[in-house]
Protein backbone atom coordinates (compact mmCIF):
# COMPACT_ATOMS: atom_id res chain seq x y z
CA MET A 1 102.22 66.14 83.55
CA GLU A 2 99.32 67.21 85.73
CA ALA A 3 100.16 70.93 85.47
CA ASN A 4 100.07 70.73 81.66
CA LEU A 5 96.64 69.11 81.71
CA LEU A 6 95.29 71.85 83.94
CA ALA A 7 96.89 74.59 81.86
CA ALA A 8 95.14 73.24 78.76
CA HIS A 9 91.79 73.93 80.44
CA LEU A 10 92.54 77.40 81.77
CA PRO A 11 91.94 80.63 79.86
CA THR A 12 95.04 82.16 78.30
CA GLN A 13 93.70 85.73 78.32
CA LEU A 14 91.62 87.81 80.67
CA PRO A 15 88.09 88.57 79.52
CA PRO A 16 87.97 92.18 78.16
CA ASP A 17 85.83 93.51 81.03
CA LEU A 18 88.24 92.06 83.61
CA ALA A 19 91.34 93.15 81.73
CA ASP A 20 90.09 96.72 81.70
CA GLY A 21 89.67 96.53 85.47
CA VAL A 22 92.94 95.02 86.70
CA PHE A 23 95.45 97.22 84.91
CA PRO A 24 94.55 100.66 86.35
CA ALA A 25 96.82 101.70 89.23
CA GLY A 26 93.97 101.97 91.74
CA CYS A 27 92.59 98.45 91.23
CA PRO A 28 92.26 96.67 94.62
CA SER A 29 93.28 93.40 92.98
CA ARG A 30 96.86 94.70 92.89
CA THR A 31 97.01 94.63 96.68
CA VAL A 32 95.58 91.12 96.81
CA LEU A 33 97.98 89.93 94.11
CA ASP A 34 100.88 91.41 96.06
CA HIS A 35 99.85 89.46 99.17
CA ILE A 36 99.32 86.11 97.48
CA THR A 37 102.16 86.19 94.97
CA SER A 38 104.94 87.26 97.28
CA LYS A 39 107.59 84.56 97.65
CA TRP A 40 106.60 83.80 101.21
CA GLY A 41 102.86 84.18 100.62
CA VAL A 42 102.88 81.50 97.92
CA LEU A 43 105.03 79.12 99.98
CA ILE A 44 102.93 79.50 103.14
CA LEU A 45 99.68 79.02 101.22
CA VAL A 46 101.00 75.93 99.44
CA ALA A 47 102.31 74.50 102.73
CA LEU A 48 98.90 75.00 104.32
CA SER A 49 97.24 73.30 101.35
CA GLU A 50 98.83 70.12 102.76
CA GLY A 51 96.89 70.58 106.01
CA GLU A 52 96.97 72.40 109.32
CA HIS A 53 100.41 73.49 110.57
CA ARG A 54 101.82 75.00 113.72
CA TRP A 55 104.11 78.04 113.63
CA SER A 56 107.30 75.99 114.00
CA GLU A 57 106.21 73.57 111.27
CA LEU A 58 105.62 76.46 108.85
CA ARG A 59 108.99 77.94 109.74
CA ARG A 60 110.73 74.64 108.94
CA ARG A 61 108.64 74.05 105.81
CA ALA A 62 109.44 77.45 104.26
CA GLU A 63 113.21 77.28 104.71
CA GLY A 64 114.87 80.65 105.00
CA ILE A 65 111.85 82.62 106.21
CA SER A 66 112.55 84.82 109.22
CA GLU A 67 110.26 84.92 112.23
CA LYS A 68 109.32 88.49 111.34
CA MET A 69 108.39 87.61 107.74
CA LEU A 70 106.44 84.54 108.84
CA ALA A 71 104.46 86.58 111.35
CA GLN A 72 103.85 89.37 108.84
CA THR A 73 102.83 86.97 106.06
CA LEU A 74 100.48 84.99 108.29
CA LYS A 75 98.82 88.17 109.61
CA THR A 76 98.33 89.49 106.09
CA LEU A 77 96.89 86.21 104.79
CA GLU A 78 94.65 85.93 107.86
CA ARG A 79 93.42 89.51 107.40
CA ASP A 80 92.70 88.69 103.74
CA GLY A 81 90.51 85.78 104.81
CA LEU A 82 92.78 83.10 103.34
CA VAL A 83 94.30 81.68 106.53
CA LEU A 84 92.61 80.76 109.80
CA ARG A 85 94.53 81.13 113.07
CA THR A 86 93.30 78.92 115.90
CA ALA A 87 94.78 79.59 119.35
CA ARG A 88 94.26 76.94 122.01
CA PRO A 89 94.18 78.14 125.62
CA VAL A 90 96.93 75.89 126.96
CA ILE A 91 100.36 76.46 128.41
CA PRO A 92 102.56 76.80 126.47
CA PRO A 93 100.34 78.47 123.88
CA HIS A 94 99.36 76.27 120.95
CA VAL A 95 98.44 78.01 117.70
CA ASP A 96 97.44 76.23 114.52
CA TYR A 97 97.15 77.71 111.05
CA SER A 98 94.94 76.35 108.28
CA LEU A 99 93.34 77.53 105.07
CA THR A 100 89.87 78.95 104.89
CA GLU A 101 87.51 77.85 102.12
CA ARG A 102 88.71 80.82 100.05
CA GLY A 103 92.31 79.83 100.80
CA TYR A 104 91.69 76.34 99.44
CA GLU A 105 90.08 77.82 96.34
CA LEU A 106 93.18 79.95 95.81
CA THR A 107 95.69 77.14 96.40
CA ALA A 108 93.90 75.00 93.80
CA LEU A 109 95.21 77.63 91.35
CA LEU A 110 98.59 78.22 93.01
CA VAL A 111 99.70 74.59 93.27
CA PRO A 112 99.87 74.15 89.46
CA LEU A 113 101.80 77.43 89.22
CA VAL A 114 104.31 76.26 91.82
CA ALA A 115 104.59 72.87 90.09
CA TRP A 116 105.24 74.62 86.77
CA ALA A 117 107.92 76.83 88.38
CA TYR A 118 109.59 73.78 89.92
CA ASP A 119 109.52 71.82 86.65
CA ASN A 120 110.91 74.70 84.59
CA ALA A 121 113.28 76.44 87.02
CA GLY A 122 116.40 74.62 85.84
CA ASP A 123 115.87 75.47 82.18
CA ILE A 124 114.91 79.06 82.91
CA LEU A 125 117.83 79.74 85.24
CA ASN A 126 120.27 78.06 82.84
CA GLY A 127 119.17 80.34 80.01
CA TRP A 128 117.34 77.71 77.97
CA ARG A 129 114.73 79.18 75.65
């Protein structure tokens, strides 16, 4: 399993200097973690890791997301510098969304997490330990 191979090479604990920084309530990383680990944030980022998408493609890809949540999630991820919004001056308007370099760096870490969740969801939800 590819996710298992990657996990074997990742640290299992935060370095002490980092651990002391992320747990206090005022740490800015909490806001960033909230943006990227929300259900819709993860799904949109992983969808964009496959390549550029239009609004309607993202809406279909992340089944169940409302227009409001898609707009809010995309704006947040764009403001965070993870997603690039490219509007083309045509009628009707044509807007494409893609990942920035930082977004690709992040999704390289998120894709194994999503793969792990997919592989283990059945056992976890069925109470297997």
